[in-house]
Amino acid sequence: MSTITINITDADGQAHTIADATTGITLMEVSKQNGIAGVLGNCGGGAACGTCHVYVDAAWQDRLPGPDSIEEDMLEILEDTRRDNSRLGCQIRLTDAMEGLVVKVAPPSDY
């Protein structure tokens, strides 16, 4: 496994650069390992809770694989905080092609 650099703005508005994010694991896992505020991952990565909801920077939206139907269903439940660039961090598996990825943690949903 290699490492990449990713940029995350946490739920408190604090910007973080993680220079050693391991490829092959998910954005949620890396966020939890680095104590990113607002990323809870309560369901453990099953796309069943929305506690790893992030907004993908516009420059990255078309560069990531799209969400599958299970992720889409969960995002629909998060209608109060969902945007066009919403994704679940547990469904974004990091690859070398994601070097420099930029995301922002979404606010907690009323869900």
PDB file of N, CA and C in Angstrom:
ATOM      1  N   MET A   1       0.836  -1.181   0.000  1.00  0.00           N
ATOM      2  CA  MET A   1       0.000   0.000   0.000  1.00  0.00           C
ATOM      3  C   MET A   1       0.881   1.245   0.000  1.00  0.00           C
ATOM      4  N   SER A   2       0.417   2.237  -0.720  1.00  0.00           N
ATOM      5  CA  SER A   2       1.128   3.503  -0.750  1.00  0.00           C
ATOM      6  C   SER A   2       0.348   4.532   0.067  1.00  0.00           C
ATOM      7  N   THR A   3       0.854   5.733   0.123  1.00  0.00           N
ATOM      8  CA  THR A   3       0.147   6.800   0.833  1.00  0.00           C
ATOM      9  C   THR A   3      -0.048   7.986  -0.104  1.00  0.00           C
ATOM     10  N   ILE A   4      -1.089   8.756   0.189  1.00  0.00           N
ATOM     11  CA  ILE A   4      -1.387   9.965  -0.557  1.00  0.00           C
ATOM     12  C   ILE A   4      -1.678  11.081   0.446  1.00  0.00           C
ATOM     13  N   THR A   5      -1.751  12.291  -0.059  1.00  0.00           N
ATOM     14  CA  THR A   5      -2.125  13.438   0.754  1.00  0.00           C
ATOM     15  C   THR A   5      -3.576  13.784   0.447  1.00  0.00           C
ATOM     16  N   ILE A   6      -4.379  13.964   1.506  1.00  0.00           N
ATOM     17  CA  ILE A   6      -5.759  14.412   1.339  1.00  0.00           C
ATOM     18  C   ILE A   6      -5.995  15.617   2.233  1.00  0.00           C
ATOM     19  N   ASN A   7      -6.965  16.429   1.864  1.00  0.00           N
ATOM     20  CA  ASN A   7      -7.275  17.657   2.580  1.00  0.00           C
ATOM     21  C   ASN A   7      -8.725  17.609   3.033  1.00  0.00           C
ATOM     22  N   ILE A   8      -8.935  17.739   4.341  1.00  0.00           N
ATOM     23  CA  ILE A   8     -10.268  17.628   4.918  1.00  0.00           C
ATOM     24  C   ILE A   8     -10.527  18.828   5.826  1.00  0.00           C
ATOM     25  N   THR A   9     -11.670  19.458   5.614  1.00  0.00           N
ATOM     26  CA  THR A   9     -12.133  20.473   6.557  1.00  0.00           C
ATOM     27  C   THR A   9     -13.129  19.773   7.466  1.00  0.00           C
ATOM     28  N   ASP A  10     -12.879  19.801   8.769  1.00  0.00           N
ATOM     29  CA  ASP A  10     -13.721  19.055   9.704  1.00  0.00           C
ATOM     30  C   ASP A  10     -15.009  19.802  10.023  1.00  0.00           C
ATOM     31  N   ALA A  11     -15.824  19.210  10.861  1.00  0.00           N
ATOM     32  CA  ALA A  11     -17.127  19.765  11.208  1.00  0.00           C
ATOM     33  C   ALA A  11     -17.018  21.097  11.951  1.00  0.00           C
ATOM     34  N   ASP A  12     -15.866  21.367  12.533  1.00  0.00           N
ATOM     35  CA  ASP A  12     -15.643  22.622  13.244  1.00  0.00           C
ATOM     36  C   ASP A  12     -15.041  23.710  12.349  1.00  0.00           C
ATOM     37  N   GLY A  13     -14.837  23.380  11.068  1.00  0.00           N
ATOM     38  CA  GLY A  13     -14.251  24.336  10.129  1.00  0.00           C
ATOM     39  C   GLY A  13     -12.741  24.351  10.102  1.00  0.00           C
ATOM     40  N   GLN A  14     -12.110  23.428  10.819  1.00  0.00           N
ATOM     41  CA  GLN A  14     -10.645  23.336  10.883  1.00  0.00           C
ATOM     42  C   GLN A  14     -10.137  22.543   9.676  1.00  0.00           C
ATOM     43  N   ALA A  15      -9.184  23.103   8.955  1.00  0.00           N
ATOM     44  CA  ALA A  15      -8.599  22.424   7.795  1.00  0.00           C
ATOM     45  C   ALA A  15      -7.479  21.490   8.250  1.00  0.00           C
ATOM     46  N   HIS A  16      -7.460  20.295   7.685  1.00  0.00           N
ATOM     47  CA  HIS A  16      -6.443  19.293   7.996  1.00  0.00           C
ATOM     48  C   HIS A  16      -5.840  18.768   6.699  1.00  0.00           C
ATOM     49  N   THR A  17      -4.539  18.646   6.667  1.00  0.00           N
ATOM     50  CA  THR A  17      -3.854  17.969   5.576  1.00  0.00           C
ATOM     51  C   THR A  17      -3.288  16.687   6.150  1.00  0.00           C
ATOM     52  N   ILE A  18      -3.715  15.578   5.589  1.00  0.00           N
ATOM     53  CA  ILE A  18      -3.214  14.275   6.025  1.00  0.00           C
ATOM     54  C   ILE A  18      -2.265  13.800   4.939  1.00  0.00           C
ATOM     55  N   ALA A  19      -0.973  13.834   5.243  1.00  0.00           N
ATOM     56  CA  ALA A  19       0.057  13.555   4.254  1.00  0.00           C
ATOM     57  C   ALA A  19       0.366  12.077   4.100  1.00  0.00           C
ATOM     58  N   ASP A  20      -0.203  11.242   4.971  1.00  0.00           N
ATOM     59  CA  ASP A  20       0.135   9.822   4.930  1.00  0.00           C
ATOM     60  C   ASP A  20      -1.107   8.938   4.937  1.00  0.00           C
ATOM     61  N   ALA A  21      -2.120   9.336   4.150  1.00  0.00           N
ATOM     62  CA  ALA A  21      -3.350   8.557   4.068  1.00  0.00           C
ATOM     63  C   ALA A  21      -3.073   7.291   3.256  1.00  0.00           C
ATOM     64  N   THR A  22      -3.313   6.151   3.864  1.00  0.00           N
ATOM     65  CA  THR A  22      -3.015   4.870   3.227  1.00  0.00           C
ATOM     66  C   THR A  22      -4.041   4.545   2.154  1.00  0.00           C
ATOM     67  N   THR A  23      -3.559   4.240   0.958  1.00  0.00           N
ATOM     68  CA  THR A  23      -4.467   3.829  -0.103  1.00  0.00           C
ATOM     69  C   THR A  23      -5.004   2.431   0.206  1.00  0.00           C
ATOM     70  N   GLY A  24      -6.182   2.153  -0.334  1.00  0.00           N
ATOM     71  CA  GLY A  24      -6.803   0.856  -0.103  1.00  0.00           C
ATOM     72  C   GLY A  24      -7.798   0.862   1.039  1.00  0.00           C
ATOM     73  N   ILE A  25      -7.749   1.898   1.882  1.00  0.00           N
ATOM     74  CA  ILE A  25      -8.743   2.015   2.942  1.00  0.00           C
ATOM     75  C   ILE A  25      -9.665   3.186   2.598  1.00  0.00           C
ATOM     76  N   THR A  26     -10.718   3.345   3.373  1.00  0.00           N
ATOM     77  CA  THR A  26     -11.690   4.375   3.026  1.00  0.00           C
ATOM     78  C   THR A  26     -11.369   5.726   3.642  1.00  0.00           C
ATOM     79  N   LEU A  27     -11.981   6.739   3.057  1.00  0.00           N
ATOM     80  CA  LEU A  27     -11.852   8.090   3.588  1.00  0.00           C
ATOM     81  C   LEU A  27     -12.355   8.154   5.031  1.00  0.00           C
ATOM     82  N   MET A  28     -13.420   7.415   5.334  1.00  0.00           N
ATOM     83  CA  MET A  28     -13.932   7.370   6.707  1.00  0.00           C
ATOM     84  C   MET A  28     -12.869   6.815   7.658  1.00  0.00           C
ATOM     85  N   GLU A  29     -12.227   5.723   7.277  1.00  0.00           N
ATOM     86  CA  GLU A  29     -11.214   5.112   8.142  1.00  0.00           C
ATOM     87  C   GLU A  29     -10.055   6.065   8.399  1.00  0.00           C
ATOM     88  N   VAL A  30      -9.573   6.718   7.345  1.00  0.00           N
ATOM     89  CA  VAL A  30      -8.473   7.667   7.499  1.00  0.00           C
ATOM     90  C   VAL A  30      -8.899   8.829   8.393  1.00  0.00           C
ATOM     91  N   SER A  31     -10.117   9.292   8.203  1.00  0.00           N
ATOM     92  CA  SER A  31     -10.624  10.402   9.016  1.00  0.00           C
ATOM     93  C   SER A  31     -10.695  10.025  10.489  1.00  0.00           C
ATOM     94  N   LYS A  32     -11.204   8.837  10.767  1.00  0.00           N
ATOM     95  CA  LYS A  32     -11.274   8.388  12.158  1.00  0.00           C
ATOM     96  C   LYS A  32      -9.877   8.202  12.751  1.00  0.00           C
ATOM     97  N   GLN A  33      -8.951   7.637  11.991  1.00  0.00           N
ATOM     98  CA  GLN A  33      -7.587   7.443  12.472  1.00  0.00           C
ATOM     99  C   GLN A  33      -6.926   8.764  12.846  1.00  0.00           C
ATOM    100  N   ASN A  34      -7.345   9.833  12.166  1.00  0.00           N
ATOM    101  CA  ASN A  34      -6.726  11.142  12.379  1.00  0.00           C
ATOM    102  C   ASN A  34      -7.581  12.086  13.215  1.00  0.00           C
ATOM    103  N   GLY A  35      -8.633  11.561  13.829  1.00  0.00           N
ATOM    104  CA  GLY A  35      -9.448  12.351  14.744  1.00  0.00           C
ATOM    105  C   GLY A  35     -10.179  13.513  14.106  1.00  0.00           C
ATOM    106  N   ILE A  36     -10.632  13.359  12.884  1.00  0.00           N
ATOM    107  CA  ILE A  36     -11.336  14.428  12.189  1.00  0.00           C
ATOM    108  C   ILE A  36     -12.722  14.613  12.815  1.00  0.00           C
ATOM    109  N   ALA A  37     -12.972  15.795  13.362  1.00  0.00           N
ATOM    110  CA  ALA A  37     -14.238  16.097  14.024  1.00  0.00           C
ATOM    111  C   ALA A  37     -15.402  15.961  13.048  1.00  0.00           C
ATOM    112  N   GLY A  38     -16.435  15.259  13.494  1.00  0.00           N
ATOM    113  CA  GLY A  38     -17.643  15.100  12.705  1.00  0.00           C
ATOM    114  C   GLY A  38     -17.730  13.808  11.932  1.00  0.00           C
ATOM    115  N   VAL A  39     -16.642  13.050  11.864  1.00  0.00           N
ATOM    116  CA  VAL A  39     -16.662  11.750  11.184  1.00  0.00           C
ATOM    117  C   VAL A  39     -16.727  10.677  12.259  1.00  0.00           C
ATOM    118  N   LEU A  40     -17.911  10.089  12.402  1.00  0.00           N
ATOM    119  CA  LEU A  40     -18.112   9.088  13.440  1.00  0.00           C
ATOM    120  C   LEU A  40     -18.056   7.666  12.909  1.00  0.00           C
ATOM    121  N   GLY A  41     -18.622   7.440  11.747  1.00  0.00           N
ATOM    122  CA  GLY A  41     -18.613   6.096  11.165  1.00  0.00           C
ATOM    123  C   GLY A  41     -19.312   5.081  12.039  1.00  0.00           C
ATOM    124  N   ASN A  42     -20.460   5.431  12.568  1.00  0.00           N
ATOM    125  CA  ASN A  42     -21.168   4.577  13.525  1.00  0.00           C
ATOM    126  C   ASN A  42     -21.510   3.191  12.991  1.00  0.00           C
ATOM    127  N   CYS A  43     -21.764   3.056  11.702  1.00  0.00           N
ATOM    128  CA  CYS A  43     -22.146   1.745  11.161  1.00  0.00           C
ATOM    129  C   CYS A  43     -20.934   0.929  10.732  1.00  0.00           C
ATOM    130  N   GLY A  44     -19.744   1.475  10.897  1.00  0.00           N
ATOM    131  CA  GLY A  44     -18.534   0.737  10.563  1.00  0.00           C
ATOM    132  C   GLY A  44     -18.235   0.642   9.089  1.00  0.00           C
ATOM    133  N   GLY A  45     -18.898   1.429   8.278  1.00  0.00           N
ATOM    134  CA  GLY A  45     -18.599   1.443   6.847  1.00  0.00           C
ATOM    135  C   GLY A  45     -19.640   0.763   5.987  1.00  0.00           C
ATOM    136  N   GLY A  46     -20.800   0.482   6.541  1.00  0.00           N
ATOM    137  CA  GLY A  46     -21.844  -0.223   5.807  1.00  0.00           C
ATOM    138  C   GLY A  46     -22.803   0.657   5.041  1.00  0.00           C
ATOM    139  N   ALA A  47     -22.527   1.949   4.927  1.00  0.00           N
ATOM    140  CA  ALA A  47     -23.404   2.899   4.230  1.00  0.00           C
ATOM    141  C   ALA A  47     -24.808   2.881   4.828  1.00  0.00           C
ATOM    142  N   ALA A  48     -24.886   2.730   6.152  1.00  0.00           N
ATOM    143  CA  ALA A  48     -26.182   2.582   6.802  1.00  0.00           C
ATOM    144  C   ALA A  48     -26.494   3.667   7.827  1.00  0.00           C
ATOM    145  N   CYS A  49     -25.610   4.659   7.992  1.00  0.00           N
ATOM    146  CA  CYS A  49     -25.900   5.636   9.038  1.00  0.00           C
ATOM    147  C   CYS A  49     -25.688   7.082   8.620  1.00  0.00           C
ATOM    148  N   GLY A  50     -24.842   7.367   7.694  1.00  0.00           N
ATOM    149  CA  GLY A  50     -24.606   8.739   7.260  1.00  0.00           C
ATOM    150  C   GLY A  50     -23.703   9.552   8.161  1.00  0.00           C
ATOM    151  N   THR A  51     -23.044   8.937   9.137  1.00  0.00           N
ATOM    152  CA  THR A  51     -22.185   9.692  10.058  1.00  0.00           C
ATOM    153  C   THR A  51     -20.764   9.889   9.530  1.00  0.00           C
ATOM    154  N   CYS A  52     -20.591   9.664   8.237  1.00  0.00           N
ATOM    155  CA  CYS A  52     -19.316   9.968   7.574  1.00  0.00           C
ATOM    156  C   CYS A  52     -19.583  10.788   6.309  1.00  0.00           C
ATOM    157  N   HIS A  53     -20.714  11.504   6.315  1.00  0.00           N
ATOM    158  CA  HIS A  53     -21.157  12.315   5.188  1.00  0.00           C
ATOM    159  C   HIS A  53     -20.171  13.449   4.945  1.00  0.00           C
ATOM    160  N   VAL A  54     -19.718  13.563   3.702  1.00  0.00           N
ATOM    161  CA  VAL A  54     -18.796  14.629   3.321  1.00  0.00           C
ATOM    162  C   VAL A  54     -19.273  15.296   2.033  1.00  0.00           C
ATOM    163  N   TYR A  55     -18.768  16.503   1.809  1.00  0.00           N
ATOM    164  CA  TYR A  55     -18.972  17.215   0.558  1.00  0.00           C
ATOM    165  C   TYR A  55     -17.648  17.172  -0.199  1.00  0.00           C
ATOM    166  N   VAL A  56     -17.684  16.643  -1.402  1.00  0.00           N
ATOM    167  CA  VAL A  56     -16.494  16.534  -2.233  1.00  0.00           C
ATOM    168  C   VAL A  56     -16.306  17.851  -2.987  1.00  0.00           C
ATOM    169  N   ASP A  57     -15.102  18.390  -2.942  1.00  0.00           N
ATOM    170  CA  ASP A  57     -14.785  19.617  -3.658  1.00  0.00           C
ATOM    171  C   ASP A  57     -15.149  19.479  -5.136  1.00  0.00           C
ATOM    172  N   ALA A  58     -15.659  20.550  -5.721  1.00  0.00           N
ATOM    173  CA  ALA A  58     -16.122  20.527  -7.114  1.00  0.00           C
ATOM    174  C   ALA A  58     -15.063  20.006  -8.085  1.00  0.00           C
ATOM    175  N   ALA A  59     -13.817  20.316  -7.835  1.00  0.00           N
ATOM    176  CA  ALA A  59     -12.746  19.869  -8.727  1.00  0.00           C
ATOM    177  C   ALA A  59     -12.564  18.355  -8.702  1.00  0.00           C
ATOM    178  N   TRP A  60     -13.106  17.716  -7.679  1.00  0.00           N
ATOM    179  CA  TRP A  60     -12.943  16.270  -7.506  1.00  0.00           C
ATOM    180  C   TRP A  60     -14.193  15.463  -7.833  1.00  0.00           C
ATOM    181  N   GLN A  61     -15.333  16.088  -7.938  1.00  0.00           N
ATOM    182  CA  GLN A  61     -16.588  15.359  -8.110  1.00  0.00           C
ATOM    183  C   GLN A  61     -16.564  14.353  -9.250  1.00  0.00           C
ATOM    184  N   ASP A  62     -16.114  14.774 -10.410  1.00  0.00           N
ATOM    185  CA  ASP A  62     -16.113  13.889 -11.582  1.00  0.00           C
ATOM    186  C   ASP A  62     -14.900  12.967 -11.624  1.00  0.00           C
ATOM    187  N   ARG A  63     -13.991  13.128 -10.695  1.00  0.00           N
ATOM    188  CA  ARG A  63     -12.782  12.303 -10.684  1.00  0.00           C
ATOM    189  C   ARG A  63     -12.912  11.075  -9.788  1.00  0.00           C
ATOM    190  N   LEU A  64     -13.994  11.027  -9.001  1.00  0.00           N
ATOM    191  CA  LEU A  64     -14.223   9.883  -8.115  1.00  0.00           C
ATOM    192  C   LEU A  64     -15.243   8.943  -8.750  1.00  0.00           C
ATOM    193  N   PRO A  65     -15.141   7.650  -8.445  1.00  0.00           N
ATOM    194  CA  PRO A  65     -16.205   6.739  -8.880  1.00  0.00           C
ATOM    195  C   PRO A  65     -17.520   7.186  -8.252  1.00  0.00           C
ATOM    196  N   GLY A  66     -18.603   7.066  -8.982  1.00  0.00           N
ATOM    197  CA  GLY A  66     -19.903   7.490  -8.477  1.00  0.00           C
ATOM    198  C   GLY A  66     -20.441   6.577  -7.401  1.00  0.00           C
ATOM    199  N   PRO A  67     -21.429   7.060  -6.666  1.00  0.00           N
ATOM    200  CA  PRO A  67     -22.044   6.246  -5.607  1.00  0.00           C
ATOM    201  C   PRO A  67     -22.876   5.111  -6.194  1.00  0.00           C
ATOM    202  N   ASP A  68     -22.914   3.984  -5.489  1.00  0.00           N
ATOM    203  CA  ASP A  68     -23.784   2.889  -5.920  1.00  0.00           C
ATOM    204  C   ASP A  68     -25.183   3.135  -5.361  1.00  0.00           C
ATOM    205  N   SER A  69     -26.118   2.234  -5.648  1.00  0.00           N
ATOM    206  CA  SER A  69     -27.508   2.440  -5.252  1.00  0.00           C
ATOM    207  C   SER A  69     -27.688   2.442  -3.735  1.00  0.00           C
ATOM    208  N   ILE A  70     -26.892   1.672  -3.012  1.00  0.00           N
ATOM    209  CA  ILE A  70     -27.001   1.647  -1.545  1.00  0.00           C
ATOM    210  C   ILE A  70     -26.581   2.994  -0.963  1.00  0.00           C
ATOM    211  N   GLU A  71     -25.478   3.538  -1.460  1.00  0.00           N
ATOM    212  CA  GLU A  71     -25.039   4.857  -0.993  1.00  0.00           C
ATOM    213  C   GLU A  71     -26.062   5.927  -1.368  1.00  0.00           C
ATOM    214  N   GLU A  72     -26.587   5.870  -2.573  1.00  0.00           N
ATOM    215  CA  GLU A  72     -27.616   6.828  -3.004  1.00  0.00           C
ATOM    216  C   GLU A  72     -28.823   6.793  -2.074  1.00  0.00           C
ATOM    217  N   ASP A  73     -29.243   5.578  -1.709  1.00  0.00           N
ATOM    218  CA  ASP A  73     -30.391   5.446  -0.795  1.00  0.00           C
ATOM    219  C   ASP A  73     -30.118   6.108   0.546  1.00  0.00           C
ATOM    220  N   MET A  74     -28.921   5.917   1.089  1.00  0.00           N
ATOM    221  CA  MET A  74     -28.579   6.530   2.376  1.00  0.00           C
ATOM    222  C   MET A  74     -28.516   8.050   2.236  1.00  0.00           C
ATOM    223  N   LEU A  75     -27.950   8.538   1.147  1.00  0.00           N
ATOM    224  CA  LEU A  75     -27.858   9.979   0.943  1.00  0.00           C
ATOM    225  C   LEU A  75     -29.243  10.615   0.819  1.00  0.00           C
ATOM    226  N   GLU A  76     -30.191   9.904   0.243  1.00  0.00           N
ATOM    227  CA  GLU A  76     -31.557  10.421   0.146  1.00  0.00           C
ATOM    228  C   GLU A  76     -32.159  10.651   1.530  1.00  0.00           C
ATOM    229  N   ILE A  77     -31.829   9.802   2.468  1.00  0.00           N
ATOM    230  CA  ILE A  77     -32.330   9.950   3.842  1.00  0.00           C
ATOM    231  C   ILE A  77     -31.772  11.214   4.494  1.00  0.00           C
ATOM    232  N   LEU A  78     -30.587  11.625   4.059  1.00  0.00           N
ATOM    233  CA  LEU A  78     -29.914  12.803   4.624  1.00  0.00           C
ATOM    234  C   LEU A  78     -30.351  14.082   3.911  1.00  0.00           C
ATOM    235  N   GLU A  79     -31.610  14.151   3.506  1.00  0.00           N
ATOM    236  CA  GLU A  79     -32.102  15.232   2.656  1.00  0.00           C
ATOM    237  C   GLU A  79     -31.873  16.628   3.246  1.00  0.00           C
ATOM    238  N   ASP A  80     -31.827  16.763   4.557  1.00  0.00           N
ATOM    239  CA  ASP A  80     -31.652  18.093   5.149  1.00  0.00           C
ATOM    240  C   ASP A  80     -30.233  18.638   4.974  1.00  0.00           C
ATOM    241  N   THR A  81     -29.257  17.762   4.750  1.00  0.00           N
ATOM    242  CA  THR A  81     -27.870  18.215   4.572  1.00  0.00           C
ATOM    243  C   THR A  81     -27.279  17.785   3.235  1.00  0.00           C
ATOM    244  N   ARG A  82     -28.034  17.061   2.440  1.00  0.00           N
ATOM    245  CA  ARG A  82     -27.511  16.558   1.161  1.00  0.00           C
ATOM    246  C   ARG A  82     -27.354  17.685   0.152  1.00  0.00           C
ATOM    247  N   ARG A  83     -26.265  17.574  -0.607  1.00  0.00           N
ATOM    248  CA  ARG A  83     -25.970  18.476  -1.724  1.00  0.00           C
ATOM    249  C   ARG A  83     -25.612  17.618  -2.940  1.00  0.00           C
ATOM    250  N   ASP A  84     -25.431  18.267  -4.077  1.00  0.00           N
ATOM    251  CA  ASP A  84     -25.039  17.551  -5.295  1.00  0.00           C
ATOM    252  C   ASP A  84     -23.685  16.858  -5.144  1.00  0.00           C
ATOM    253  N   ASN A  85     -22.839  17.378  -4.273  1.00  0.00           N
ATOM    254  CA  ASN A  85     -21.502  16.829  -4.081  1.00  0.00           C
ATOM    255  C   ASN A  85     -21.384  15.956  -2.827  1.00  0.00           C
ATOM    256  N   SER A  86     -22.521  15.511  -2.293  1.00  0.00           N
ATOM    257  CA  SER A  86     -22.518  14.662  -1.095  1.00  0.00           C
ATOM    258  C   SER A  86     -22.043  13.252  -1.409  1.00  0.00           C
ATOM    259  N   ARG A  87     -21.246  12.720  -0.492  1.00  0.00           N
ATOM    260  CA  ARG A  87     -20.813  11.330  -0.552  1.00  0.00           C
ATOM    261  C   ARG A  87     -20.671  10.810   0.870  1.00  0.00           C
ATOM    262  N   LEU A  88     -20.645   9.501   1.004  1.00  0.00           N
ATOM    263  CA  LEU A  88     -20.340   8.874   2.279  1.00  0.00           C
ATOM    264  C   LEU A  88     -18.863   8.510   2.257  1.00  0.00           C
ATOM    265  N   GLY A  89     -18.135   8.970   3.258  1.00  0.00           N
ATOM    266  CA  GLY A  89     -16.700   8.697   3.319  1.00  0.00           C
ATOM    267  C   GLY A  89     -16.380   7.213   3.360  1.00  0.00           C
ATOM    268  N   CYS A  90     -17.295   6.420   3.892  1.00  0.00           N
ATOM    269  CA  CYS A  90     -17.059   4.976   3.973  1.00  0.00           C
ATOM    270  C   CYS A  90     -17.120   4.305   2.609  1.00  0.00           C
ATOM    271  N   GLN A  91     -17.625   5.009   1.612  1.00  0.00           N
ATOM    272  CA  GLN A  91     -17.747   4.438   0.277  1.00  0.00           C
ATOM    273  C   GLN A  91     -16.703   4.983  -0.690  1.00  0.00           C
ATOM    274  N   ILE A  92     -15.801   5.814  -0.188  1.00  0.00           N
ATOM    275  CA  ILE A  92     -14.703   6.335  -1.004  1.00  0.00           C
ATOM    276  C   ILE A  92     -13.430   5.613  -0.592  1.00  0.00           C
ATOM    277  N   ARG A  93     -13.059   4.618  -1.375  1.00  0.00           N
ATOM    278  CA  ARG A  93     -11.830   3.861  -1.110  1.00  0.00           C
ATOM    279  C   ARG A  93     -10.672   4.602  -1.775  1.00  0.00           C
ATOM    280  N   LEU A  94      -9.680   4.985  -0.985  1.00  0.00           N
ATOM    281  CA  LEU A  94      -8.583   5.810  -1.471  1.00  0.00           C
ATOM    282  C   LEU A  94      -7.675   5.059  -2.440  1.00  0.00           C
ATOM    283  N   THR A  95      -7.312   5.747  -3.521  1.00  0.00           N
ATOM    284  CA  THR A  95      -6.394   5.213  -4.525  1.00  0.00           C
ATOM    285  C   THR A  95      -5.310   6.252  -4.789  1.00  0.00           C
ATOM    286  N   ASP A  96      -4.258   5.839  -5.474  1.00  0.00           N
ATOM    287  CA  ASP A  96      -3.190   6.776  -5.825  1.00  0.00           C
ATOM    288  C   ASP A  96      -3.720   7.942  -6.657  1.00  0.00           C
ATOM    289  N   ALA A  97      -4.748   7.703  -7.454  1.00  0.00           N
ATOM    290  CA  ALA A  97      -5.331   8.746  -8.298  1.00  0.00           C
ATOM    291  C   ALA A  97      -6.018   9.841  -7.484  1.00  0.00           C
ATOM    292  N   MET A  98      -6.218   9.622  -6.186  1.00  0.00           N
ATOM    293  CA  MET A  98      -6.881  10.605  -5.330  1.00  0.00           C
ATOM    294  C   MET A  98      -5.892  11.510  -4.599  1.00  0.00           C
ATOM    295  N   GLU A  99      -4.652  11.512  -5.025  1.00  0.00           N
ATOM    296  CA  GLU A  99      -3.641  12.396  -4.440  1.00  0.00           C
ATOM    297  C   GLU A  99      -4.160  13.830  -4.469  1.00  0.00           C
ATOM    298  N   GLY A 100      -4.228  14.471  -3.286  1.00  0.00           N
ATOM    299  CA  GLY A 100      -4.680  15.853  -3.180  1.00  0.00           C
ATOM    300  C   GLY A 100      -6.184  16.019  -3.008  1.00  0.00           C
ATOM    301  N   LEU A 101      -6.918  14.932  -2.830  1.00  0.00           N
ATOM    302  CA  LEU A 101      -8.366  14.975  -2.651  1.00  0.00           C
ATOM    303  C   LEU A 101      -8.763  16.036  -1.620  1.00  0.00           C
ATOM    304  N   VAL A 102      -9.843  16.757  -1.905  1.00  0.00           N
ATOM    305  CA  VAL A 102     -10.325  17.818  -1.017  1.00  0.00           C
ATOM    306  C   VAL A 102     -11.801  17.539  -0.684  1.00  0.00           C
ATOM    307  N   VAL A 103     -12.103  17.433   0.616  1.00  0.00           N
ATOM    308  CA  VAL A 103     -13.473  17.223   1.076  1.00  0.00           C
ATOM    309  C   VAL A 103     -13.735  18.061   2.323  1.00  0.00           C
ATOM    310  N   LYS A 104     -15.025  18.240   2.599  1.00  0.00           N
ATOM    311  CA  LYS A 104     -15.465  18.940   3.812  1.00  0.00           C
ATOM    312  C   LYS A 104     -16.487  18.066   4.505  1.00  0.00           C
ATOM    313  N   VAL A 105     -16.357  17.905   5.810  1.00  0.00           N
ATOM    314  CA  VAL A 105     -17.316  17.115   6.580  1.00  0.00           C
ATOM    315  C   VAL A 105     -18.638  17.867   6.620  1.00  0.00           C
ATOM    316  N   ALA A 106     -19.714  17.157   6.300  1.00  0.00           N
ATOM    317  CA  ALA A 106     -21.058  17.743   6.328  1.00  0.00           C
ATOM    318  C   ALA A 106     -21.520  17.934   7.772  1.00  0.00           C
ATOM    319  N   PRO A 107     -22.409  18.883   7.996  1.00  0.00           N
ATOM    320  CA  PRO A 107     -22.955  19.021   9.348  1.00  0.00           C
ATOM    321  C   PRO A 107     -23.818  17.812   9.685  1.00  0.00           C
ATOM    322  N   PRO A 108     -24.042  17.550  10.962  1.00  0.00           N
ATOM    323  CA  PRO A 108     -24.877  16.419  11.343  1.00  0.00           C
ATOM    324  C   PRO A 108     -26.286  16.586  10.766  1.00  0.00           C
ATOM    325  N   SER A 109     -26.863  15.482  10.352  1.00  0.00           N
ATOM    326  CA  SER A 109     -28.207  15.489   9.807  1.00  0.00           C
ATOM    327  C   SER A 109     -29.223  15.343  10.938  1.00  0.00           C
ATOM    328  N   ASP A 110     -30.441  15.770  10.686  1.00  0.00           N
ATOM    329  CA  ASP A 110     -31.522  15.569  11.651  1.00  0.00           C
ATOM    330  C   ASP A 110     -32.034  14.137  11.612  1.00  0.00           C
ATOM    331  N   TYR A 111     -31.513  13.349  10.671  1.00  0.00           N
ATOM    332  CA  TYR A 111     -31.945  11.961  10.493  1.00  0.00           C
ATOM    333  C   TYR A 111     -31.768  11.154  11.721  1.00  0.00           C
TER     334      TYR A 111
END
